[in-house]
PDB file of N, CA and C in Angstrom:
ATOM      1  N   MET A   1      14.243   8.986  -5.083  1.00  0.00           N
ATOM      2  CA  MET A   1      13.480   8.038  -5.164  1.00  0.00           C
ATOM      3  C   MET A   1      13.679   6.976  -6.242  1.00  0.00           C
ATOM      4  N   SER A   2      13.227   6.020  -6.106  1.00  0.00           N
ATOM      5  CA  SER A   2      13.399   4.564  -7.442  1.00  0.00           C
ATOM      6  C   SER A   2      12.102   5.236  -8.143  1.00  0.00           C
ATOM      7  N   ALA A   3      12.025   5.049  -9.278  1.00  0.00           N
ATOM      8  CA  ALA A   3      10.810   5.189 -10.469  1.00  0.00           C
ATOM      9  C   ALA A   3       9.984   4.163 -10.322  1.00  0.00           C
ATOM     10  N   THR A   4      10.306   2.909  -9.355  1.00  0.00           N
ATOM     11  CA  THR A   4       9.503   1.913  -9.126  1.00  0.00           C
ATOM     12  C   THR A   4       9.362   2.103  -7.541  1.00  0.00           C
ATOM     13  N   ALA A   5       9.143   3.117  -6.968  1.00  0.00           N
ATOM     14  CA  ALA A   5       8.778   3.220  -5.668  1.00  0.00           C
ATOM     15  C   ALA A   5       7.416   3.288  -5.247  1.00  0.00           C
ATOM     16  N   CYS A   6       6.882   3.105  -4.054  1.00  0.00           N
ATOM     17  CA  CYS A   6       5.458   2.644  -4.080  1.00  0.00           C
ATOM     18  C   CYS A   6       4.707   4.075  -4.242  1.00  0.00           C
ATOM     19  N   LYS A   7       5.372   4.895  -3.918  1.00  0.00           N
ATOM     20  CA  LYS A   7       4.850   6.586  -3.908  1.00  0.00           C
ATOM     21  C   LYS A   7       4.206   6.750  -5.404  1.00  0.00           C
ATOM     22  N   SER A   8       4.870   6.318  -6.386  1.00  0.00           N
ATOM     23  CA  SER A   8       4.614   6.391  -7.819  1.00  0.00           C
ATOM     24  C   SER A   8       3.675   5.044  -8.343  1.00  0.00           C
ATOM     25  N   CYS A   9       3.434   4.228  -7.559  1.00  0.00           N
ATOM     26  CA  CYS A   9       2.308   2.841  -7.890  1.00  0.00           C
ATOM     27  C   CYS A   9       1.138   3.256  -8.157  1.00  0.00           C
ATOM     28  N   SER A  10       0.082   2.999  -8.880  1.00  0.00           N
ATOM     29  CA  SER A  10      -1.565   3.069  -9.086  1.00  0.00           C
ATOM     30  C   SER A  10      -1.977   2.231  -7.741  1.00  0.00           C
ATOM     31  N   PHE A  11      -1.336   1.290  -7.275  1.00  0.00           N
ATOM     32  CA  PHE A  11      -2.294   0.549  -6.015  1.00  0.00           C
ATOM     33  C   PHE A  11      -1.818   1.179  -4.623  1.00  0.00           C
ATOM     34  N   PHE A  12      -0.988   2.206  -4.890  1.00  0.00           N
ATOM     35  CA  PHE A  12      -0.687   3.035  -3.494  1.00  0.00           C
ATOM     36  C   PHE A  12      -1.738   4.281  -3.252  1.00  0.00           C
ATOM     37  N   GLU A  13      -1.971   4.320  -1.860  1.00  0.00           N
ATOM     38  CA  GLU A  13      -2.966   4.744  -1.372  1.00  0.00           C
ATOM     39  C   GLU A  13      -2.393   5.911   0.090  1.00  0.00           C
ATOM     40  N   THR A  14      -2.490   7.199   0.064  1.00  0.00           N
ATOM     41  CA  THR A  14      -2.154   7.678   1.146  1.00  0.00           C
ATOM     42  C   THR A  14      -3.318   8.144   1.962  1.00  0.00           C
ATOM     43  N   LYS A  15      -4.695   8.481   1.625  1.00  0.00           N
ATOM     44  CA  LYS A  15      -5.864   8.865   2.005  1.00  0.00           C
ATOM     45  C   LYS A  15      -5.806   8.542   3.497  1.00  0.00           C
ATOM     46  N   VAL A  16      -5.580   7.513   3.866  1.00  0.00           N
ATOM     47  CA  VAL A  16      -6.104   6.806   5.257  1.00  0.00           C
ATOM     48  C   VAL A  16      -5.038   6.381   6.310  1.00  0.00           C
ATOM     49  N   VAL A  17      -3.726   6.663   6.072  1.00  0.00           N
ATOM     50  CA  VAL A  17      -2.379   6.672   6.858  1.00  0.00           C
ATOM     51  C   VAL A  17      -2.571   8.072   7.164  1.00  0.00           C
ATOM     52  N   ALA A  18      -1.887   8.012   8.443  1.00  0.00           N
ATOM     53  CA  ALA A  18      -1.676   9.304   9.020  1.00  0.00           C
ATOM     54  C   ALA A  18      -0.168   9.898   8.868  1.00  0.00           C
ATOM     55  N   ALA A  19       0.876   8.951   8.603  1.00  0.00           N
ATOM     56  CA  ALA A  19       2.097   9.265   8.239  1.00  0.00           C
ATOM     57  C   ALA A  19       2.277   9.660   7.214  1.00  0.00           C
ATOM     58  N   ALA A  20       3.079  11.022   6.816  1.00  0.00           N
ATOM     59  CA  ALA A  20       3.054  11.640   5.621  1.00  0.00           C
ATOM     60  C   ALA A  20       3.884  10.640   4.695  1.00  0.00           C
ATOM     61  N   ASP A  21       5.070   9.937   5.178  1.00  0.00           N
ATOM     62  CA  ASP A  21       5.772   9.248   4.166  1.00  0.00           C
ATOM     63  C   ASP A  21       5.215   7.614   4.498  1.00  0.00           C
ATOM     64  N   ALA A  22       4.026   7.330   4.233  1.00  0.00           N
ATOM     65  CA  ALA A  22       3.602   6.259   4.062  1.00  0.00           C
ATOM     66  C   ALA A  22       1.927   5.896   3.402  1.00  0.00           C
ATOM     67  N   GLY A  23       1.913   4.633   3.196  1.00  0.00           N
ATOM     68  CA  GLY A  23      -0.066   4.481   2.436  1.00  0.00           C
ATOM     69  C   GLY A  23       0.272   3.266   2.468  1.00  0.00           C
ATOM     70  N   LEU A  24      -1.110   2.710   2.088  1.00  0.00           N
ATOM     71  CA  LEU A  24      -1.616   1.338   2.028  1.00  0.00           C
ATOM     72  C   LEU A  24      -1.269   0.738   0.539  1.00  0.00           C
ATOM     73  N   CYS A  25      -0.701  -0.332   0.572  1.00  0.00           N
ATOM     74  CA  CYS A  25      -0.807  -1.127  -0.846  1.00  0.00           C
ATOM     75  C   CYS A  25      -2.450  -1.727  -1.217  1.00  0.00           C
ATOM     76  N   ARG A  26      -2.884  -1.309  -1.695  1.00  0.00           N
ATOM     77  CA  ARG A  26      -4.011  -1.913  -2.562  1.00  0.00           C
ATOM     78  C   ARG A  26      -3.557  -3.163  -3.617  1.00  0.00           C
ATOM     79  N   PHE A  27      -2.624  -3.530  -3.582  1.00  0.00           N
ATOM     80  CA  PHE A  27      -2.450  -5.041  -4.894  1.00  0.00           C
ATOM     81  C   PHE A  27      -3.213  -5.610  -4.475  1.00  0.00           C
ATOM     82  N   ASN A  28      -3.372  -6.512  -3.116  1.00  0.00           N
ATOM     83  CA  ASN A  28      -3.952  -7.615  -3.147  1.00  0.00           C
ATOM     84  C   ASN A  28      -5.072  -7.261  -2.498  1.00  0.00           C
ATOM     85  N   PRO A  29      -5.893  -8.193  -2.152  1.00  0.00           N
ATOM     86  CA  PRO A  29      -6.969  -8.164  -1.119  1.00  0.00           C
ATOM     87  C   PRO A  29      -6.802  -7.970   0.327  1.00  0.00           C
ATOM     88  N   PRO A  30      -7.494  -7.360   1.244  1.00  0.00           N
ATOM     89  CA  PRO A  30      -7.006  -7.376   2.498  1.00  0.00           C
ATOM     90  C   PRO A  30      -7.033  -8.688   3.047  1.00  0.00           C
ATOM     91  N   SER A  31      -6.239  -8.787   4.117  1.00  0.00           N
ATOM     92  CA  SER A  31      -5.631  -9.595   5.280  1.00  0.00           C
ATOM     93  C   SER A  31      -6.442  -9.643   6.417  1.00  0.00           C
ATOM     94  N   PHE A  32      -6.800 -10.509   6.959  1.00  0.00           N
ATOM     95  CA  PHE A  32      -7.402 -10.931   8.312  1.00  0.00           C
ATOM     96  C   PHE A  32      -6.430 -11.222   9.447  1.00  0.00           C
ATOM     97  N   LEU A  33      -6.349 -10.488  10.445  1.00  0.00           N
ATOM     98  CA  LEU A  33      -5.412 -11.104  11.336  1.00  0.00           C
ATOM     99  C   LEU A  33      -6.020 -12.471  11.991  1.00  0.00           C
ATOM    100  N   THR A  34      -7.070 -12.364  12.689  1.00  0.00           N
ATOM    101  CA  THR A  34      -8.089 -13.491  13.032  1.00  0.00           C
ATOM    102  C   THR A  34      -8.918 -13.679  12.499  1.00  0.00           C
ATOM    103  N   GLU A  35      -9.716 -14.849  12.709  1.00  0.00           N
ATOM    104  CA  GLU A  35     -10.982 -15.182  12.281  1.00  0.00           C
ATOM    105  C   GLU A  35     -12.394 -14.488  12.468  1.00  0.00           C
ATOM    106  N   ASP A  36     -12.356 -14.139  14.178  1.00  0.00           N
ATOM    107  CA  ASP A  36     -13.013 -13.188  14.476  1.00  0.00           C
ATOM    108  C   ASP A  36     -13.091 -11.539  14.019  1.00  0.00           C
ATOM    109  N   GLU A  37     -12.077 -11.244  13.431  1.00  0.00           N
ATOM    110  CA  GLU A  37     -12.493 -10.016  12.798  1.00  0.00           C
ATOM    111  C   GLU A  37     -13.463  -9.648  11.732  1.00  0.00           C
ATOM    112  N   LYS A  38     -13.871  -8.708  11.438  1.00  0.00           N
ATOM    113  CA  LYS A  38     -15.067  -8.283  10.184  1.00  0.00           C
ATOM    114  C   LYS A  38     -14.649  -7.620   9.411  1.00  0.00           C
ATOM    115  N   ARG A  39     -13.165  -6.945   9.645  1.00  0.00           N
ATOM    116  CA  ARG A  39     -12.501  -5.798   8.739  1.00  0.00           C
ATOM    117  C   ARG A  39     -10.969  -6.472   8.396  1.00  0.00           C
ATOM    118  N   GLY A  40     -10.758  -6.468   6.922  1.00  0.00           N
ATOM    119  CA  GLY A  40      -9.563  -7.076   6.631  1.00  0.00           C
ATOM    120  C   GLY A  40      -8.703  -5.370   6.422  1.00  0.00           C
ATOM    121  N   ILE A  41      -7.067  -5.840   6.650  1.00  0.00           N
ATOM    122  CA  ILE A  41      -6.131  -4.554   6.517  1.00  0.00           C
ATOM    123  C   ILE A  41      -5.497  -4.609   5.329  1.00  0.00           C
ATOM    124  N   TRP A  42      -5.005  -3.470   4.902  1.00  0.00           N
ATOM    125  CA  TRP A  42      -3.945  -3.750   3.392  1.00  0.00           C
ATOM    126  C   TRP A  42      -2.471  -3.485   4.489  1.00  0.00           C
ATOM    127  N   PRO A  43      -1.277  -4.067   4.091  1.00  0.00           N
ATOM    128  CA  PRO A  43      -0.237  -3.485   4.278  1.00  0.00           C
ATOM    129  C   PRO A  43       0.224  -2.091   4.076  1.00  0.00           C
ATOM    130  N   VAL A  44       0.639  -1.737   5.272  1.00  0.00           N
ATOM    131  CA  VAL A  44       1.165  -0.046   5.312  1.00  0.00           C
ATOM    132  C   VAL A  44       2.722   0.028   4.946  1.00  0.00           C
ATOM    133  N   VAL A  45       3.198   0.851   3.923  1.00  0.00           N
ATOM    134  CA  VAL A  45       4.174   0.771   3.446  1.00  0.00           C
ATOM    135  C   VAL A  45       4.805   1.896   3.304  1.00  0.00           C
ATOM    136  N   LYS A  46       6.056   2.010   3.208  1.00  0.00           N
ATOM    137  CA  LYS A  46       6.649   3.913   3.079  1.00  0.00           C
ATOM    138  C   LYS A  46       6.505   4.363   1.806  1.00  0.00           C
ATOM    139  N   THR A  47       6.531   5.342   1.349  1.00  0.00           N
ATOM    140  CA  THR A  47       6.627   5.679   0.086  1.00  0.00           C
ATOM    141  C   THR A  47       7.733   5.688  -1.004  1.00  0.00           C
ATOM    142  N   ASP A  48       8.917   5.227  -0.108  1.00  0.00           N
ATOM    143  CA  ASP A  48       9.895   4.738  -0.858  1.00  0.00           C
ATOM    144  C   ASP A  48      10.686   3.198  -1.064  1.00  0.00           C
ATOM    145  N   ASP A  49       9.568   2.779  -0.083  1.00  0.00           N
ATOM    146  CA  ASP A  49       9.395   0.977  -0.763  1.00  0.00           C
ATOM    147  C   ASP A  49       9.083   0.669  -2.096  1.00  0.00           C
ATOM    148  N   TRP A  50       9.222  -0.737  -2.487  1.00  0.00           N
ATOM    149  CA  TRP A  50       9.196  -1.006  -3.848  1.00  0.00           C
ATOM    150  C   TRP A  50       8.551  -2.542  -3.721  1.00  0.00           C
ATOM    151  N   CYS A  51       8.022  -3.004  -4.471  1.00  0.00           N
ATOM    152  CA  CYS A  51       8.043  -4.273  -5.117  1.00  0.00           C
ATOM    153  C   CYS A  51       7.728  -5.037  -6.573  1.00  0.00           C
ATOM    154  N   GLY A  52       7.650  -6.051  -6.846  1.00  0.00           N
ATOM    155  CA  GLY A  52       7.569  -6.298  -8.388  1.00  0.00           C
ATOM    156  C   GLY A  52       6.328  -6.143  -9.106  1.00  0.00           C
ATOM    157  N   HIS A  53       5.469  -5.980  -8.127  1.00  0.00           N
ATOM    158  CA  HIS A  53       4.097  -5.544  -8.669  1.00  0.00           C
ATOM    159  C   HIS A  53       3.863  -4.218  -9.032  1.00  0.00           C
ATOM    160  N   HIS A  54       4.780  -3.065  -9.360  1.00  0.00           N
ATOM    161  CA  HIS A  54       4.739  -1.930  -9.411  1.00  0.00           C
ATOM    162  C   HIS A  54       3.724  -1.343 -10.700  1.00  0.00           C
ATOM    163  N   SER A  55       3.067  -0.508 -10.779  1.00  0.00           N
ATOM    164  CA  SER A  55       2.421  -0.159 -11.807  1.00  0.00           C
ATOM    165  C   SER A  55       2.156   1.362 -11.775  1.00  0.00           C
ATOM    166  N   LYS A  56       2.624   1.929 -12.850  1.00  0.00           N
ATOM    167  CA  LYS A  56       2.977   3.334 -12.847  1.00  0.00           C
ATOM    168  C   LYS A  56       1.529   4.159 -12.662  1.00  0.00           C
ATOM    169  N   THR A  57       1.289   5.380 -11.937  1.00  0.00           N
ATOM    170  CA  THR A  57       0.114   5.660 -11.867  1.00  0.00           C
ATOM    171  C   THR A  57      -0.260   6.504 -13.227  1.00  0.00           C
ATOM    172  N   ASN A  58      -1.315   7.001 -13.547  1.00  0.00           N
ATOM    173  CA  ASN A  58      -1.756   7.531 -14.842  1.00  0.00           C
ATOM    174  C   ASN A  58      -1.625   8.996 -14.614  1.00  0.00           C
TER     175      ASN A  58
END
Protein backbone atom coordinates (compact mmCIF):
# COMPACT_ATOMS: atom_id res chain seq x y z
CA MET A 1 0.00 0.00 0.00
CA SER A 2 1.18 3.49 -0.82
CA ALA A 3 2.00 5.85 2.06
CA THR A 4 -0.56 8.24 0.56
CA ALA A 5 -3.38 5.70 0.22
CA CYS A 6 -6.85 6.55 1.52
CA LYS A 7 -6.57 4.06 4.39
CA SER A 8 -3.92 6.24 6.07
CA CYS A 9 -5.70 9.58 5.42
CA SER A 10 -7.39 11.60 8.17
CA PHE A 11 -10.33 12.29 5.81
CA PHE A 12 -11.06 8.54 5.32
CA GLU A 13 -13.95 7.04 7.32
CA THR A 14 -14.81 3.34 7.44
CA LYS A 15 -17.58 3.29 10.04
CA VAL A 16 -20.54 3.61 7.65
CA VAL A 17 -19.43 1.45 4.69
CA ALA A 18 -20.15 -2.27 4.77
CA ALA A 19 -17.23 -3.29 2.53
CA ALA A 20 -14.01 -4.13 4.39
CA ASP A 21 -11.78 -2.49 1.76
CA ALA A 22 -13.77 0.74 1.28
CA GLY A 23 -14.72 3.92 3.11
CA LEU A 24 -15.92 7.47 2.66
CA CYS A 25 -13.76 10.41 1.64
CA ARG A 26 -14.69 13.36 3.87
CA PHE A 27 -12.34 15.90 2.28
CA ASN A 28 -15.07 17.85 0.45
CA PRO A 29 -18.64 18.53 1.63
CA PRO A 30 -21.25 15.92 0.65
CA SER A 31 -22.86 16.21 -2.76
CA PHE A 32 -26.49 15.82 -3.78
CA LEU A 33 -27.39 13.76 -6.84
CA THR A 34 -30.72 15.55 -7.43
CA GLU A 35 -32.35 18.73 -6.18
CA ASP A 36 -35.07 16.72 -4.38
CA GLU A 37 -32.63 14.85 -2.16
CA LYS A 38 -32.50 16.02 1.41
CA ARG A 39 -29.32 14.16 2.30
CA GLY A 40 -25.88 14.43 0.74
CA ILE A 41 -23.42 11.64 0.08
CA TRP A 42 -19.64 11.42 0.26
CA PRO A 43 -17.69 9.51 -2.37
CA VAL A 44 -16.95 5.86 -1.59
CA VAL A 45 -13.27 5.08 -2.10
CA LYS A 46 -11.17 1.93 -1.71
CA THR A 47 -8.51 1.71 0.99
CA ASP A 48 -5.72 1.63 -1.60
CA ASP A 49 -7.04 4.58 -3.67
CA TRP A 50 -5.19 7.88 -3.41
CA CYS A 51 -5.53 11.56 -4.35
CA GLY A 52 -3.65 14.84 -4.02
CA HIS A 53 -5.43 15.84 -0.79
CA HIS A 54 -3.95 13.11 1.43
CA SER A 55 -3.42 14.13 5.05
CA LYS A 56 -1.79 11.62 7.42
CA THR A 57 -3.80 10.50 10.43
CA ASN A 58 -2.44 11.29 13.89
